[in-house]
């Protein structure tokens, strides 16, 4: 005997072993078996309350749940793996962006390592211009007068 659940939204998920177990459980009472299967495989949004089922209905419901879970397991595992990969990539990107945001700028060159305007002028052979510049700097910043190396 084969019990078909009339549905157009989902294919029938009852496996032959489950059908045989239900047939044996209900011993030919196809109406009760059909109702038990219908109650057990109903849409989860219908909120089947397990405590309202009889022992036989609970067994059928649990069997149907396990069959459905086993059928959906490969798809769920693939989705979990894809989501895990996307999450790891997002975390990696976030770490990179945060590191880039917190990266310190390159240290400024120390002023002592660069040539002053007077030294550049002397290198060009403009010694009087270098002397005028140094005199101007000494006048503007007397606290640094004579501090040149």
C-alpha atoms as a PDB file:
ATOM      1  CA  UNK A   1       0.000   0.000   0.000  1.00  0.00           C
ATOM      2  CA  UNK A   2       1.335   3.423  -0.903  1.00  0.00           C
ATOM      3  CA  UNK A   3       0.184   6.574   0.823  1.00  0.00           C
ATOM      4  CA  UNK A   4       0.570   9.794  -1.122  1.00  0.00           C
ATOM      5  CA  UNK A   5       0.250  13.128   0.597  1.00  0.00           C
ATOM      6  CA  UNK A   6      -1.658  15.412  -1.767  1.00  0.00           C
ATOM      7  CA  UNK A   7       0.481  18.486  -2.146  1.00  0.00           C
ATOM      8  CA  UNK A   8       1.526  20.717  -4.977  1.00  0.00           C
ATOM      9  CA  UNK A   9       4.037  22.812  -3.070  1.00  0.00           C
ATOM     10  CA  UNK A  10       6.442  20.090  -1.929  1.00  0.00           C
ATOM     11  CA  UNK A  11       7.305  16.669  -3.274  1.00  0.00           C
ATOM     12  CA  UNK A  12       6.415  13.703  -1.129  1.00  0.00           C
ATOM     13  CA  UNK A  13       9.242  13.172   1.377  1.00  0.00           C
ATOM     14  CA  UNK A  14       7.993   9.903   2.900  1.00  0.00           C
ATOM     15  CA  UNK A  15      10.541   7.170   2.257  1.00  0.00           C
ATOM     16  CA  UNK A  16       9.408   3.590   1.478  1.00  0.00           C
ATOM     17  CA  UNK A  17      10.786   2.343   4.819  1.00  0.00           C
ATOM     18  CA  UNK A  18       8.736   4.955   6.645  1.00  0.00           C
ATOM     19  CA  UNK A  19       5.651   4.036   4.624  1.00  0.00           C
ATOM     20  CA  UNK A  20       6.102   0.364   5.485  1.00  0.00           C
ATOM     21  CA  UNK A  21       6.547   1.220   9.167  1.00  0.00           C
ATOM     22  CA  UNK A  22       3.392   3.348   9.162  1.00  0.00           C
ATOM     23  CA  UNK A  23       1.430   0.633   7.340  1.00  0.00           C
ATOM     24  CA  UNK A  24       2.608  -1.931   9.869  1.00  0.00           C
ATOM     25  CA  UNK A  25       1.901   0.433  12.766  1.00  0.00           C
ATOM     26  CA  UNK A  26      -1.679   1.102  11.688  1.00  0.00           C
ATOM     27  CA  UNK A  27      -2.283  -2.449  10.329  1.00  0.00           C
ATOM     28  CA  UNK A  28      -4.260  -1.465   7.278  1.00  0.00           C
ATOM     29  CA  UNK A  29      -6.167   1.471   8.781  1.00  0.00           C
ATOM     30  CA  UNK A  30      -5.287   3.744   5.893  1.00  0.00           C
ATOM     31  CA  UNK A  31      -7.388   6.667   7.088  1.00  0.00           C
ATOM     32  CA  UNK A  32      -5.620   6.831  10.458  1.00  0.00           C
ATOM     33  CA  UNK A  33      -2.248   6.262   8.791  1.00  0.00           C
ATOM     34  CA  UNK A  34      -2.921   9.006   6.278  1.00  0.00           C
ATOM     35  CA  UNK A  35      -3.957  11.412   9.038  1.00  0.00           C
ATOM     36  CA  UNK A  36      -0.851  10.564  11.062  1.00  0.00           C
ATOM     37  CA  UNK A  37       1.401  11.106   8.053  1.00  0.00           C
ATOM     38  CA  UNK A  38      -0.424  14.300   7.173  1.00  0.00           C
ATOM     39  CA  UNK A  39      -0.062  15.581  10.733  1.00  0.00           C
ATOM     40  CA  UNK A  40       3.580  14.508  10.909  1.00  0.00           C
ATOM     41  CA  UNK A  41       4.632  15.979   7.587  1.00  0.00           C
ATOM     42  CA  UNK A  42       2.561  19.132   7.744  1.00  0.00           C
ATOM     43  CA  UNK A  43       4.151  22.450   6.986  1.00  0.00           C
ATOM     44  CA  UNK A  44       6.282  23.515   9.995  1.00  0.00           C
ATOM     45  CA  UNK A  45       4.511  26.869   9.946  1.00  0.00           C
ATOM     46  CA  UNK A  46       1.393  25.031  11.098  1.00  0.00           C
ATOM     47  CA  UNK A  47       3.051  24.652  14.524  1.00  0.00           C
ATOM     48  CA  UNK A  48       2.529  20.963  15.260  1.00  0.00           C
ATOM     49  CA  UNK A  49       2.431  20.670  19.041  1.00  0.00           C
ATOM     50  CA  UNK A  50       4.181  17.475  19.973  1.00  0.00           C
ATOM     51  CA  UNK A  51       2.375  17.118  23.299  1.00  0.00           C
ATOM     52  CA  UNK A  52      -0.969  17.055  21.478  1.00  0.00           C
ATOM     53  CA  UNK A  53       0.014  13.986  19.434  1.00  0.00           C
ATOM     54  CA  UNK A  54      -0.556  10.421  20.509  1.00  0.00           C
ATOM     55  CA  UNK A  55       2.446   8.136  20.924  1.00  0.00           C
ATOM     56  CA  UNK A  56       1.976   6.710  17.442  1.00  0.00           C
ATOM     57  CA  UNK A  57       1.592  10.147  15.894  1.00  0.00           C
ATOM     58  CA  UNK A  58       4.669  11.345  17.757  1.00  0.00           C
ATOM     59  CA  UNK A  59       6.687   8.422  16.364  1.00  0.00           C
ATOM     60  CA  UNK A  60       5.510   9.211  12.848  1.00  0.00           C
ATOM     61  CA  UNK A  61       6.199  12.906  13.364  1.00  0.00           C
ATOM     62  CA  UNK A  62       9.727  12.223  14.625  1.00  0.00           C
ATOM     63  CA  UNK A  63      10.380   9.811  11.743  1.00  0.00           C
ATOM     64  CA  UNK A  64       9.140  12.373   9.235  1.00  0.00           C
ATOM     65  CA  UNK A  65      11.204  15.088  10.885  1.00  0.00           C
ATOM     66  CA  UNK A  66      14.360  12.962  10.742  1.00  0.00           C
ATOM     67  CA  UNK A  67      13.729  11.988   7.111  1.00  0.00           C
ATOM     68  CA  UNK A  68      13.207  15.631   6.192  1.00  0.00           C
ATOM     69  CA  UNK A  69      16.285  16.674   8.130  1.00  0.00           C
ATOM     70  CA  UNK A  70      18.409  13.983   6.474  1.00  0.00           C
ATOM     71  CA  UNK A  71      17.175  15.036   3.049  1.00  0.00           C
ATOM     72  CA  UNK A  72      17.926  18.696   3.750  1.00  0.00           C
ATOM     73  CA  UNK A  73      21.268  18.031   5.482  1.00  0.00           C
ATOM     74  CA  UNK A  74      23.499  18.210   2.356  1.00  0.00           C
ATOM     75  CA  UNK A  75      21.961  21.508   1.269  1.00  0.00           C
ATOM     76  CA  UNK A  76      22.181  22.883   4.798  1.00  0.00           C
ATOM     77  CA  UNK A  77      25.820  21.800   5.120  1.00  0.00           C
ATOM     78  CA  UNK A  78      26.675  23.415   1.788  1.00  0.00           C
ATOM     79  CA  UNK A  79      24.939  26.620   2.836  1.00  0.00           C
ATOM     80  CA  UNK A  80      26.703  26.615   6.206  1.00  0.00           C
ATOM     81  CA  UNK A  81      30.074  26.099   4.502  1.00  0.00           C
ATOM     82  CA  UNK A  82      29.360  28.921   2.063  1.00  0.00           C
ATOM     83  CA  UNK A  83      28.274  31.245   4.866  1.00  0.00           C
ATOM     84  CA  UNK A  84      31.323  30.279   6.919  1.00  0.00           C
ATOM     85  CA  UNK A  85      33.616  31.072   3.973  1.00  0.00           C
ATOM     86  CA  UNK A  86      31.874  34.408   3.418  1.00  0.00           C
ATOM     87  CA  UNK A  87      32.126  35.222   7.128  1.00  0.00           C
ATOM     88  CA  UNK A  88      35.831  34.367   7.226  1.00  0.00           C
ATOM     89  CA  UNK A  89      36.420  36.540   4.149  1.00  0.00           C
ATOM     90  CA  UNK A  90      34.451  39.392   5.737  1.00  0.00           C
ATOM     91  CA  UNK A  91      36.470  39.085   8.954  1.00  0.00           C
ATOM     92  CA  UNK A  92      39.693  39.040   6.938  1.00  0.00           C
ATOM     93  CA  UNK A  93      38.585  42.142   5.018  1.00  0.00           C
ATOM     94  CA  UNK A  94      37.567  43.878   8.242  1.00  0.00           C
ATOM     95  CA  UNK A  95      40.959  43.115   9.779  1.00  0.00           C
ATOM     96  CA  UNK A  96      42.715  44.470   6.694  1.00  0.00           C
ATOM     97  CA  UNK A  97      40.589  47.628   6.638  1.00  0.00           C
ATOM     98  CA  UNK A  98      41.100  48.192  10.355  1.00  0.00           C
ATOM     99  CA  UNK A  99      44.855  47.685  10.044  1.00  0.00           C
ATOM    100  CA  UNK A 100      44.957  50.115   7.132  1.00  0.00           C
ATOM    101  CA  UNK A 101      42.885  52.631   9.063  1.00  0.00           C
ATOM    102  CA  UNK A 102      45.119  52.370  12.132  1.00  0.00           C
ATOM    103  CA  UNK A 103      48.365  52.317  10.171  1.00  0.00           C
ATOM    104  CA  UNK A 104      50.618  55.116  11.321  1.00  0.00           C
ATOM    105  CA  UNK A 105      51.917  57.480   8.689  1.00  0.00           C
ATOM    106  CA  UNK A 106      55.569  57.243   7.788  1.00  0.00           C
ATOM    107  CA  UNK A 107      57.692  59.134  10.296  1.00  0.00           C
ATOM    108  CA  UNK A 108      58.634  62.604   9.214  1.00  0.00           C
ATOM    109  CA  UNK A 109      62.239  63.133   8.272  1.00  0.00           C
ATOM    110  CA  UNK A 110      64.183  64.721  11.085  1.00  0.00           C
ATOM    111  CA  UNK A 111      64.972  68.371  10.380  1.00  0.00           C
ATOM    112  CA  UNK A 112      68.670  67.825  11.103  1.00  0.00           C
ATOM    113  CA  UNK A 113      69.043  65.355   8.226  1.00  0.00           C
ATOM    114  CA  UNK A 114      67.792  67.800   5.595  1.00  0.00           C
ATOM    115  CA  UNK A 115      69.947  70.539   4.227  1.00  0.00           C
ATOM    116  CA  UNK A 116      68.992  74.051   5.225  1.00  0.00           C
ATOM    117  CA  UNK A 117      68.348  76.786   2.688  1.00  0.00           C
ATOM    118  CA  UNK A 118      71.729  78.363   3.571  1.00  0.00           C
ATOM    119  CA  UNK A 119      73.573  75.077   2.932  1.00  0.00           C
ATOM    120  CA  UNK A 120      71.821  74.659  -0.419  1.00  0.00           C
ATOM    121  CA  UNK A 121      72.733  78.248  -1.318  1.00  0.00           C
ATOM    122  CA  UNK A 122      76.391  77.624  -0.411  1.00  0.00           C
ATOM    123  CA  UNK A 123      76.383  74.451  -2.540  1.00  0.00           C
ATOM    124  CA  UNK A 124      75.200  76.610  -5.450  1.00  0.00           C
ATOM    125  CA  UNK A 125      78.014  79.081  -4.812  1.00  0.00           C
ATOM    126  CA  UNK A 126      75.743  81.827  -3.447  1.00  0.00           C
ATOM    127  CA  UNK A 127      77.641  82.474  -0.222  1.00  0.00           C
ATOM    128  CA  UNK A 128      76.344  86.034   0.305  1.00  0.00           C
ATOM    129  CA  UNK A 129      72.733  84.836  -0.051  1.00  0.00           C
ATOM    130  CA  UNK A 130      73.442  82.083   2.526  1.00  0.00           C
ATOM    131  CA  UNK A 131      74.930  84.669   4.907  1.00  0.00           C
ATOM    132  CA  UNK A 132      71.880  86.934   4.487  1.00  0.00           C
ATOM    133  CA  UNK A 133      69.531  84.008   5.146  1.00  0.00           C
ATOM    134  CA  UNK A 134      71.410  82.990   8.293  1.00  0.00           C
ATOM    135  CA  UNK A 135      71.431  86.603   9.516  1.00  0.00           C
ATOM    136  CA  UNK A 136      67.673  86.836   8.906  1.00  0.00           C
ATOM    137  CA  UNK A 137      67.038  83.564  10.757  1.00  0.00           C
ATOM    138  CA  UNK A 138      69.225  84.675  13.671  1.00  0.00           C
ATOM    139  CA  UNK A 139      67.270  87.929  13.858  1.00  0.00           C
ATOM    140  CA  UNK A 140      63.865  86.178  13.663  1.00  0.00           C
ATOM    141  CA  UNK A 141      64.762  83.388  16.083  1.00  0.00           C
ATOM    142  CA  UNK A 142      67.414  84.718  18.478  1.00  0.00           C
ATOM    143  CA  UNK A 143      66.996  81.697  20.763  1.00  0.00           C
ATOM    144  CA  UNK A 144      68.483  79.514  18.014  1.00  0.00           C
ATOM    145  CA  UNK A 145      71.288  81.899  16.997  1.00  0.00           C
ATOM    146  CA  UNK A 146      74.583  80.095  16.537  1.00  0.00           C
ATOM    147  CA  UNK A 147      72.991  76.645  17.031  1.00  0.00           C
ATOM    148  CA  UNK A 148      73.871  75.486  13.531  1.00  0.00           C
ATOM    149  CA  UNK A 149      76.095  72.459  13.302  1.00  0.00           C
END
